[in-house]
Amino acid sequence: MVKLVVENDPKEIARRQILDHLERELRLLFANLLRVSRGAGKAYEVGANCAAVVSVYQQYREVEGCYPASHEVSRALDFRKDMDQPFDEMRFGIERIVAGSFQLVASEFLRQRTQASAGETQLFEGIRAVEAIQERNRFKFQEDIKARKHPRKTIKRKQRKPKPEPEL
C-alpha cells in the first residue's frame, strides 16, 4: 500500500516524466552526433539538440533540487536495454561490436591510444564471435542439405533362392 502512494506522488510522476523526456533528448543528440560524424545526420540541429538536453536538465533540477544521477543518464543512453531479441550468443557478439566501435570512435576523437586499443580488441572479439556463430550455422545448414539429398534408406534385399546343387 505504501508503494502505491509513493508511485502516485505527483513529484515522483513529474520526475519520471522529466527522465523520459531527458532520455529522448539525449538519444536524439547522441544519434545525430553519430550520424553527423559519419557524414549524414543534421549538423545544423546539433546546437538545438544540446539546448534541449540542457533545458531538460534544468527542469529536472527544478523538480529534484539536483541534476540526474549518473546511473539515470547511463540508463538513458544504454543501447542494450532496447534490444527486443532474447540474449544469445549472436546478440552478445553484436553488442561487443557496437560497444567496441563506440569505444574506438570516442577514443580516436580524444586521441587516447590506449583506450582505442581496448575498443579495437572488443570490436574484434565481437566480430570473431559472430563469425564463429555464422560458421556453425553454415556447417549445420550444409549438413541438413546433405541429409535431405542423400537420405539413408535401408533397403531390404530379397532373399535369393538357393542355387540348385549341381548333379553329379
N, C-alpha and C. Protein backbone atom coordinates (compact mmCIF):
# COMPACT_ATOMS: atom_id res chain seq x y z
N MET A 1 0.82 -1.18 0.00
CA MET A 1 0.00 0.00 0.00
C MET A 1 0.87 1.25 0.00
N VAL A 2 1.94 1.24 0.76
CA VAL A 2 2.83 2.40 0.82
C VAL A 2 3.47 2.61 -0.55
N LYS A 3 3.80 1.51 -1.23
CA LYS A 3 4.44 1.62 -2.53
C LYS A 3 3.54 2.36 -3.52
N LEU A 4 2.25 2.09 -3.48
CA LEU A 4 1.32 2.78 -4.36
C LEU A 4 1.30 4.28 -4.10
N VAL A 5 1.33 4.66 -2.86
CA VAL A 5 1.33 6.08 -2.51
C VAL A 5 2.56 6.76 -3.07
N VAL A 6 3.72 6.11 -2.97
CA VAL A 6 4.96 6.67 -3.47
C VAL A 6 4.91 6.78 -4.99
N GLU A 7 4.39 5.75 -5.67
CA GLU A 7 4.32 5.76 -7.12
C GLU A 7 3.34 6.81 -7.64
N ASN A 8 2.33 7.15 -6.86
CA ASN A 8 1.34 8.14 -7.29
C ASN A 8 1.67 9.55 -6.82
N ASP A 9 2.79 9.71 -6.16
CA ASP A 9 3.21 11.03 -5.69
C ASP A 9 3.43 11.94 -6.90
N PRO A 10 2.80 13.10 -6.94
CA PRO A 10 2.95 14.00 -8.10
C PRO A 10 4.40 14.37 -8.39
N LYS A 11 5.20 14.53 -7.34
CA LYS A 11 6.60 14.87 -7.55
C LYS A 11 7.34 13.71 -8.23
N GLU A 12 7.03 12.47 -7.82
CA GLU A 12 7.66 11.29 -8.43
C GLU A 12 7.20 11.13 -9.88
N ILE A 13 5.95 11.38 -10.14
CA ILE A 13 5.43 11.29 -11.51
C ILE A 13 6.13 12.32 -12.39
N ALA A 14 6.26 13.55 -11.90
CA ALA A 14 6.94 14.61 -12.65
C ALA A 14 8.40 14.23 -12.91
N ARG A 15 9.06 13.66 -11.91
CA ARG A 15 10.45 13.25 -12.05
C ARG A 15 10.60 12.20 -13.15
N ARG A 16 9.71 11.20 -13.13
CA ARG A 16 9.78 10.15 -14.15
C ARG A 16 9.50 10.69 -15.54
N GLN A 17 8.54 11.62 -15.64
CA GLN A 17 8.24 12.22 -16.95
C GLN A 17 9.43 13.01 -17.47
N ILE A 18 10.08 13.74 -16.58
CA ILE A 18 11.26 14.51 -17.00
C ILE A 18 12.39 13.57 -17.40
N LEU A 19 12.56 12.47 -16.66
CA LEU A 19 13.60 11.49 -17.03
C LEU A 19 13.31 10.88 -18.41
N ASP A 20 12.04 10.59 -18.68
CA ASP A 20 11.68 10.07 -20.01
C ASP A 20 12.01 11.10 -21.09
N HIS A 21 11.69 12.37 -20.81
CA HIS A 21 11.98 13.44 -21.75
C HIS A 21 13.50 13.58 -21.94
N LEU A 22 14.24 13.51 -20.84
CA LEU A 22 15.70 13.58 -20.91
C LEU A 22 16.26 12.45 -21.76
N GLU A 23 15.72 11.25 -21.56
CA GLU A 23 16.18 10.11 -22.36
C GLU A 23 15.97 10.38 -23.84
N ARG A 24 14.80 10.86 -24.21
CA ARG A 24 14.52 11.16 -25.62
C ARG A 24 15.50 12.19 -26.18
N GLU A 25 15.72 13.26 -25.43
CA GLU A 25 16.60 14.33 -25.91
C GLU A 25 18.05 13.87 -25.98
N LEU A 26 18.51 13.12 -24.99
CA LEU A 26 19.89 12.61 -25.03
C LEU A 26 20.08 11.68 -26.22
N ARG A 27 19.10 10.83 -26.46
CA ARG A 27 19.21 9.90 -27.58
C ARG A 27 19.18 10.62 -28.91
N LEU A 28 18.35 11.65 -29.02
CA LEU A 28 18.33 12.43 -30.26
C LEU A 28 19.69 13.08 -30.51
N LEU A 29 20.24 13.69 -29.47
CA LEU A 29 21.56 14.32 -29.59
C LEU A 29 22.62 13.28 -29.96
N PHE A 30 22.65 12.18 -29.23
CA PHE A 30 23.66 11.15 -29.46
C PHE A 30 23.56 10.58 -30.87
N ALA A 31 22.35 10.23 -31.28
CA ALA A 31 22.16 9.66 -32.61
C ALA A 31 22.55 10.66 -33.70
N ASN A 32 22.18 11.91 -33.51
CA ASN A 32 22.52 12.92 -34.50
C ASN A 32 24.04 13.11 -34.58
N LEU A 33 24.70 13.15 -33.42
CA LEU A 33 26.17 13.29 -33.42
C LEU A 33 26.83 12.11 -34.14
N LEU A 34 26.35 10.90 -33.89
CA LEU A 34 26.91 9.73 -34.58
C LEU A 34 26.72 9.85 -36.08
N ARG A 35 25.53 10.24 -36.48
CA ARG A 35 25.26 10.36 -37.92
C ARG A 35 26.08 11.47 -38.56
N VAL A 36 26.18 12.62 -37.88
CA VAL A 36 26.97 13.73 -38.42
C VAL A 36 28.43 13.30 -38.56
N SER A 37 28.95 12.56 -37.59
CA SER A 37 30.36 12.16 -37.63
C SER A 37 30.66 11.22 -38.78
N ARG A 38 29.64 10.54 -39.30
CA ARG A 38 29.87 9.65 -40.43
C ARG A 38 29.42 10.24 -41.76
N GLY A 39 29.07 11.55 -41.73
CA GLY A 39 28.75 12.24 -42.98
C GLY A 39 27.27 12.35 -43.27
N ALA A 40 26.44 11.92 -42.37
CA ALA A 40 24.99 12.05 -42.54
C ALA A 40 24.49 12.91 -41.39
N GLY A 41 23.27 12.74 -40.98
CA GLY A 41 22.76 13.49 -39.85
C GLY A 41 22.45 14.93 -40.20
N LYS A 42 22.13 15.68 -39.17
CA LYS A 42 21.74 17.08 -39.36
C LYS A 42 22.64 17.96 -38.49
N ALA A 43 23.77 18.33 -39.05
CA ALA A 43 24.75 19.12 -38.31
C ALA A 43 24.15 20.44 -37.83
N TYR A 44 23.23 20.99 -38.58
CA TYR A 44 22.61 22.26 -38.21
C TYR A 44 21.70 22.13 -36.99
N GLU A 45 21.36 20.90 -36.58
CA GLU A 45 20.50 20.70 -35.41
C GLU A 45 21.27 20.39 -34.13
N VAL A 46 22.58 20.23 -34.21
CA VAL A 46 23.37 19.86 -33.04
C VAL A 46 23.19 20.88 -31.92
N GLY A 47 23.26 22.16 -32.23
CA GLY A 47 23.08 23.20 -31.21
C GLY A 47 21.71 23.11 -30.56
N ALA A 48 20.66 22.93 -31.37
CA ALA A 48 19.30 22.82 -30.84
C ALA A 48 19.17 21.55 -29.98
N ASN A 49 19.81 20.46 -30.41
CA ASN A 49 19.79 19.22 -29.61
C ASN A 49 20.44 19.46 -28.25
N CYS A 50 21.59 20.13 -28.26
CA CYS A 50 22.29 20.42 -26.99
C CYS A 50 21.44 21.30 -26.09
N ALA A 51 20.82 22.33 -26.67
CA ALA A 51 19.98 23.24 -25.88
C ALA A 51 18.80 22.49 -25.27
N ALA A 52 18.23 21.54 -26.01
CA ALA A 52 17.10 20.76 -25.49
C ALA A 52 17.54 19.91 -24.31
N VAL A 53 18.73 19.31 -24.39
CA VAL A 53 19.25 18.50 -23.29
C VAL A 53 19.47 19.38 -22.06
N VAL A 54 20.08 20.53 -22.24
CA VAL A 54 20.32 21.44 -21.11
C VAL A 54 19.00 21.88 -20.49
N SER A 55 18.02 22.16 -21.30
CA SER A 55 16.71 22.58 -20.81
C SER A 55 16.08 21.51 -19.92
N VAL A 56 16.16 20.26 -20.36
CA VAL A 56 15.57 19.17 -19.57
C VAL A 56 16.36 18.97 -18.28
N TYR A 57 17.67 19.12 -18.33
CA TYR A 57 18.48 19.05 -17.11
C TYR A 57 18.02 20.11 -16.11
N GLN A 58 17.76 21.31 -16.60
CA GLN A 58 17.31 22.39 -15.72
C GLN A 58 15.93 22.08 -15.14
N GLN A 59 15.04 21.53 -15.95
CA GLN A 59 13.71 21.14 -15.45
C GLN A 59 13.84 20.11 -14.34
N TYR A 60 14.72 19.15 -14.54
CA TYR A 60 14.93 18.11 -13.54
C TYR A 60 15.42 18.74 -12.24
N ARG A 61 16.35 19.66 -12.36
CA ARG A 61 16.90 20.30 -11.17
C ARG A 61 15.85 21.11 -10.42
N GLU A 62 14.93 21.72 -11.15
CA GLU A 62 13.85 22.48 -10.51
C GLU A 62 12.94 21.56 -9.69
N VAL A 63 12.70 20.36 -10.20
CA VAL A 63 11.83 19.40 -9.51
C VAL A 63 12.55 18.71 -8.36
N GLU A 64 13.80 18.28 -8.59
CA GLU A 64 14.52 17.46 -7.63
C GLU A 64 15.53 18.23 -6.77
N GLY A 65 15.95 19.37 -7.23
CA GLY A 65 16.95 20.13 -6.48
C GLY A 65 18.37 19.72 -6.81
N CYS A 66 18.53 18.82 -7.75
CA CYS A 66 19.86 18.39 -8.20
C CYS A 66 19.71 17.87 -9.63
N TYR A 67 20.85 17.60 -10.26
CA TYR A 67 20.81 17.04 -11.61
C TYR A 67 20.61 15.52 -11.54
N PRO A 68 20.23 14.91 -12.64
CA PRO A 68 20.03 13.45 -12.64
C PRO A 68 21.30 12.71 -12.21
N ALA A 69 21.10 11.60 -11.54
CA ALA A 69 22.23 10.76 -11.11
C ALA A 69 22.90 10.12 -12.33
N SER A 70 24.15 9.77 -12.15
CA SER A 70 24.91 9.16 -13.24
C SER A 70 24.23 7.92 -13.79
N HIS A 71 23.70 7.09 -12.91
CA HIS A 71 23.07 5.85 -13.38
C HIS A 71 21.82 6.14 -14.21
N GLU A 72 21.14 7.24 -13.95
CA GLU A 72 19.96 7.59 -14.74
C GLU A 72 20.36 8.03 -16.15
N VAL A 73 21.44 8.78 -16.23
CA VAL A 73 21.94 9.21 -17.54
C VAL A 73 22.49 8.00 -18.30
N SER A 74 23.22 7.14 -17.61
CA SER A 74 23.76 5.94 -18.25
C SER A 74 22.64 5.05 -18.77
N ARG A 75 21.61 4.88 -17.99
CA ARG A 75 20.46 4.06 -18.40
C ARG A 75 19.79 4.67 -19.63
N ALA A 76 19.71 6.00 -19.68
CA ALA A 76 19.09 6.67 -20.83
C ALA A 76 19.85 6.40 -22.12
N LEU A 77 21.16 6.25 -22.03
CA LEU A 77 22.00 6.06 -23.21
C LEU A 77 22.41 4.60 -23.44
N ASP A 78 21.86 3.69 -22.67
CA ASP A 78 22.21 2.27 -22.81
C ASP A 78 21.46 1.68 -24.00
N PHE A 79 22.18 1.45 -25.09
CA PHE A 79 21.55 0.93 -26.30
C PHE A 79 21.07 -0.51 -26.13
N ARG A 80 21.62 -1.23 -25.16
CA ARG A 80 21.26 -2.63 -24.98
C ARG A 80 19.89 -2.83 -24.36
N LYS A 81 19.40 -1.84 -23.62
CA LYS A 81 18.14 -2.05 -22.91
C LYS A 81 16.95 -2.15 -23.85
N ASP A 82 17.11 -1.66 -25.08
CA ASP A 82 16.00 -1.67 -26.03
C ASP A 82 16.06 -2.87 -26.98
N MET A 83 17.03 -3.72 -26.80
CA MET A 83 17.11 -4.87 -27.69
C MET A 83 15.93 -5.79 -27.41
N ASP A 84 15.14 -6.00 -28.45
CA ASP A 84 13.93 -6.80 -28.25
C ASP A 84 14.16 -8.28 -28.47
N GLN A 85 15.36 -8.64 -28.88
CA GLN A 85 15.67 -10.04 -29.09
C GLN A 85 16.17 -10.66 -27.79
N PRO A 86 15.89 -11.93 -27.59
CA PRO A 86 16.42 -12.57 -26.39
C PRO A 86 17.94 -12.61 -26.45
N PHE A 87 18.55 -12.63 -25.27
CA PHE A 87 20.01 -12.65 -25.22
C PHE A 87 20.50 -14.01 -25.68
N ASP A 88 21.38 -14.02 -26.63
CA ASP A 88 22.00 -15.25 -27.10
C ASP A 88 23.42 -14.91 -27.56
N GLU A 89 24.10 -15.89 -28.08
CA GLU A 89 25.50 -15.67 -28.49
C GLU A 89 25.62 -14.63 -29.59
N MET A 90 24.70 -14.65 -30.55
CA MET A 90 24.76 -13.68 -31.65
C MET A 90 24.53 -12.27 -31.13
N ARG A 91 23.56 -12.10 -30.27
CA ARG A 91 23.27 -10.78 -29.68
C ARG A 91 24.49 -10.29 -28.90
N PHE A 92 25.14 -11.20 -28.15
CA PHE A 92 26.34 -10.84 -27.39
C PHE A 92 27.44 -10.36 -28.33
N GLY A 93 27.64 -11.07 -29.43
CA GLY A 93 28.66 -10.68 -30.40
C GLY A 93 28.38 -9.32 -31.01
N ILE A 94 27.14 -9.08 -31.36
CA ILE A 94 26.76 -7.79 -31.96
C ILE A 94 26.95 -6.67 -30.94
N GLU A 95 26.56 -6.91 -29.70
CA GLU A 95 26.76 -5.89 -28.66
C GLU A 95 28.24 -5.58 -28.47
N ARG A 96 29.08 -6.60 -28.54
CA ARG A 96 30.53 -6.37 -28.41
C ARG A 96 31.03 -5.51 -29.58
N ILE A 97 30.53 -5.75 -30.76
CA ILE A 97 30.93 -4.96 -31.93
C ILE A 97 30.52 -3.50 -31.75
N VAL A 98 29.27 -3.28 -31.36
CA VAL A 98 28.77 -1.91 -31.19
C VAL A 98 29.53 -1.20 -30.07
N ALA A 99 29.65 -1.86 -28.92
CA ALA A 99 30.34 -1.24 -27.78
C ALA A 99 31.80 -0.96 -28.12
N GLY A 100 32.46 -1.88 -28.79
CA GLY A 100 33.85 -1.67 -29.20
C GLY A 100 33.97 -0.52 -30.18
N SER A 101 33.00 -0.42 -31.09
CA SER A 101 33.00 0.68 -32.06
C SER A 101 32.84 2.02 -31.36
N PHE A 102 31.91 2.09 -30.40
CA PHE A 102 31.71 3.33 -29.65
C PHE A 102 33.00 3.71 -28.91
N GLN A 103 33.62 2.73 -28.26
CA GLN A 103 34.86 2.98 -27.52
C GLN A 103 35.95 3.47 -28.47
N LEU A 104 36.05 2.83 -29.61
CA LEU A 104 37.08 3.18 -30.58
C LEU A 104 36.87 4.60 -31.10
N VAL A 105 35.65 4.94 -31.48
CA VAL A 105 35.37 6.28 -32.01
C VAL A 105 35.65 7.34 -30.95
N ALA A 106 35.14 7.14 -29.73
CA ALA A 106 35.34 8.13 -28.67
C ALA A 106 36.83 8.31 -28.39
N SER A 107 37.56 7.22 -28.36
CA SER A 107 39.00 7.29 -28.06
C SER A 107 39.77 7.96 -29.19
N GLU A 108 39.39 7.69 -30.42
CA GLU A 108 40.06 8.33 -31.56
C GLU A 108 39.81 9.83 -31.55
N PHE A 109 38.58 10.25 -31.21
CA PHE A 109 38.27 11.68 -31.14
C PHE A 109 39.16 12.38 -30.12
N LEU A 110 39.41 11.71 -29.01
CA LEU A 110 40.20 12.31 -27.93
C LEU A 110 41.68 11.93 -28.00
N ARG A 111 42.04 11.19 -29.05
CA ARG A 111 43.42 10.75 -29.25
C ARG A 111 43.97 9.97 -28.05
N GLN A 112 43.15 9.07 -27.56
CA GLN A 112 43.53 8.22 -26.43
C GLN A 112 43.85 6.83 -26.98
N ARG A 113 45.10 6.63 -27.32
CA ARG A 113 45.51 5.41 -28.00
C ARG A 113 45.25 4.14 -27.18
N THR A 114 45.49 4.19 -25.87
CA THR A 114 45.28 3.00 -25.04
C THR A 114 43.81 2.58 -25.06
N GLN A 115 42.93 3.56 -24.88
CA GLN A 115 41.50 3.23 -24.89
C GLN A 115 41.04 2.81 -26.29
N ALA A 116 41.66 3.39 -27.32
CA ALA A 116 41.32 2.99 -28.69
C ALA A 116 41.68 1.52 -28.91
N SER A 117 42.82 1.11 -28.36
CA SER A 117 43.23 -0.30 -28.48
C SER A 117 42.24 -1.22 -27.78
N ALA A 118 41.75 -0.78 -26.62
CA ALA A 118 40.74 -1.58 -25.91
C ALA A 118 39.47 -1.69 -26.74
N GLY A 119 39.09 -0.60 -27.40
CA GLY A 119 37.91 -0.62 -28.27
C GLY A 119 38.10 -1.56 -29.44
N GLU A 120 39.30 -1.53 -30.05
CA GLU A 120 39.60 -2.43 -31.15
C GLU A 120 39.51 -3.89 -30.71
N THR A 121 40.06 -4.17 -29.54
CA THR A 121 40.03 -5.53 -29.01
C THR A 121 38.59 -6.00 -28.85
N GLN A 122 37.76 -5.16 -28.24
CA GLN A 122 36.36 -5.52 -28.03
C GLN A 122 35.64 -5.69 -29.37
N LEU A 123 35.91 -4.81 -30.31
CA LEU A 123 35.30 -4.88 -31.63
C LEU A 123 35.65 -6.21 -32.31
N PHE A 124 36.92 -6.57 -32.30
CA PHE A 124 37.34 -7.81 -32.96
C PHE A 124 36.86 -9.06 -32.22
N GLU A 125 36.73 -8.98 -30.89
CA GLU A 125 36.14 -10.10 -30.15
C GLU A 125 34.71 -10.34 -30.63
N GLY A 126 33.97 -9.27 -30.79
CA GLY A 126 32.60 -9.38 -31.28
C GLY A 126 32.54 -9.95 -32.68
N ILE A 127 33.44 -9.47 -33.54
CA ILE A 127 33.47 -9.98 -34.92
C ILE A 127 33.78 -11.47 -34.93
N ARG A 128 34.77 -11.88 -34.13
CA ARG A 128 35.12 -13.32 -34.07
C ARG A 128 33.94 -14.14 -33.56
N ALA A 129 33.23 -13.63 -32.57
CA ALA A 129 32.08 -14.36 -32.02
C ALA A 129 31.00 -14.52 -33.09
N VAL A 130 30.71 -13.46 -33.81
CA VAL A 130 29.68 -13.51 -34.86
C VAL A 130 30.11 -14.44 -35.99
N GLU A 131 31.38 -14.36 -36.40
CA GLU A 131 31.87 -15.24 -37.46
C GLU A 131 31.80 -16.70 -37.04
N ALA A 132 32.13 -17.01 -35.79
CA ALA A 132 32.08 -18.39 -35.31
C ALA A 132 30.64 -18.92 -35.35
N ILE A 133 29.70 -18.09 -34.95
CA ILE A 133 28.29 -18.50 -34.98
C ILE A 133 27.84 -18.71 -36.42
N GLN A 134 28.24 -17.80 -37.31
CA GLN A 134 27.86 -17.95 -38.72
C GLN A 134 28.46 -19.22 -39.31
N GLU A 135 29.69 -19.53 -38.95
CA GLU A 135 30.33 -20.75 -39.45
C GLU A 135 29.60 -22.00 -38.94
N ARG A 136 29.24 -22.00 -37.66
CA ARG A 136 28.48 -23.14 -37.13
C ARG A 136 27.14 -23.28 -37.84
N ASN A 137 26.47 -22.16 -38.06
CA ASN A 137 25.18 -22.20 -38.75
C ASN A 137 25.33 -22.69 -40.19
N ARG A 138 26.39 -22.23 -40.86
CA ARG A 138 26.65 -22.65 -42.23
C ARG A 138 26.92 -24.16 -42.29
N PHE A 139 27.73 -24.65 -41.36
CA PHE A 139 28.03 -26.09 -41.30
C PHE A 139 26.76 -26.89 -41.06
N LYS A 140 25.95 -26.46 -40.11
CA LYS A 140 24.70 -27.16 -39.81
C LYS A 140 23.77 -27.15 -41.02
N PHE A 141 23.68 -26.01 -41.70
CA PHE A 141 22.84 -25.90 -42.89
C PHE A 141 23.31 -26.87 -43.97
N GLN A 142 24.62 -26.94 -44.20
CA GLN A 142 25.16 -27.85 -45.21
C GLN A 142 24.89 -29.30 -44.83
N GLU A 143 25.02 -29.62 -43.56
CA GLU A 143 24.73 -30.98 -43.11
C GLU A 143 23.25 -31.32 -43.33
N ASP A 144 22.38 -30.36 -43.07
CA ASP A 144 20.94 -30.58 -43.29
C ASP A 144 20.65 -30.82 -44.77
N ILE A 145 21.32 -30.06 -45.63
CA ILE A 145 21.12 -30.25 -47.08
C ILE A 145 21.60 -31.63 -47.51
N LYS A 146 22.77 -32.03 -47.02
CA LYS A 146 23.29 -33.37 -47.34
C LYS A 146 22.33 -34.45 -46.89
N ALA A 147 21.78 -34.27 -45.71
CA ALA A 147 20.86 -35.28 -45.17
C ALA A 147 19.60 -35.38 -46.03
N ARG A 148 19.15 -34.27 -46.60
CA ARG A 148 17.95 -34.28 -47.44
C ARG A 148 18.24 -34.87 -48.81
N LYS A 149 19.44 -34.61 -49.35
CA LYS A 149 19.79 -35.11 -50.67
C LYS A 149 20.03 -36.61 -50.66
N HIS A 150 20.66 -37.08 -49.65
CA HIS A 150 21.02 -38.49 -49.56
C HIS A 150 20.40 -39.10 -48.32
N PRO A 151 19.11 -39.30 -48.37
CA PRO A 151 18.51 -39.90 -47.18
C PRO A 151 19.03 -41.32 -47.01
N ARG A 152 19.26 -41.67 -45.82
CA ARG A 152 19.77 -43.02 -45.54
C ARG A 152 18.58 -43.97 -45.43
N LYS A 153 18.38 -44.66 -46.52
CA LYS A 153 17.29 -45.63 -46.53
C LYS A 153 17.90 -47.02 -46.43
N THR A 154 17.30 -47.78 -45.64
CA THR A 154 17.75 -49.16 -45.57
C THR A 154 16.89 -49.96 -46.52
N ILE A 155 17.56 -50.56 -47.44
CA ILE A 155 16.84 -51.35 -48.44
C ILE A 155 16.98 -52.81 -48.07
N LYS A 156 15.85 -53.42 -47.91
CA LYS A 156 15.87 -54.86 -47.61
C LYS A 156 16.01 -55.60 -48.93
N ARG A 157 17.00 -56.42 -48.94
CA ARG A 157 17.22 -57.22 -50.15
C ARG A 157 16.35 -58.46 -50.07
N LYS A 158 15.87 -58.83 -51.21
CA LYS A 158 15.10 -60.07 -51.26
C LYS A 158 16.07 -61.23 -51.09
N GLN A 159 15.58 -62.18 -50.37
CA GLN A 159 16.44 -63.35 -50.20
C GLN A 159 16.51 -64.09 -51.51
N ARG A 160 17.72 -64.44 -51.82
CA ARG A 160 17.91 -65.16 -53.07
C ARG A 160 17.51 -66.61 -52.90
N LYS A 161 17.02 -67.11 -53.97
CA LYS A 161 16.69 -68.53 -53.96
C LYS A 161 18.02 -69.28 -54.05
N PRO A 162 18.14 -70.26 -53.23
CA PRO A 162 19.41 -71.00 -53.31
C PRO A 162 19.56 -71.67 -54.67
N LYS A 163 20.77 -71.67 -55.19
CA LYS A 163 21.03 -72.29 -56.47
C LYS A 163 21.00 -73.82 -56.26
N PRO A 164 20.43 -74.44 -57.19
CA PRO A 164 20.40 -75.91 -57.05
C PRO A 164 21.83 -76.48 -57.13
N GLU A 165 22.03 -77.46 -56.34
CA GLU A 165 23.32 -78.11 -56.33
C GLU A 165 23.50 -78.88 -57.64
N PRO A 166 24.67 -78.76 -58.19
CA PRO A 166 24.87 -79.50 -59.46
C PRO A 166 24.82 -81.01 -59.22
N GLU A 167 24.21 -81.66 -60.14
CA GLU A 167 24.10 -83.12 -60.00
C GLU A 167 25.33 -83.76 -60.60
N LEU A 168 25.78 -84.69 -59.92
CA LEU A 168 26.97 -85.40 -60.40
C LEU A 168 26.68 -86.75 -60.88
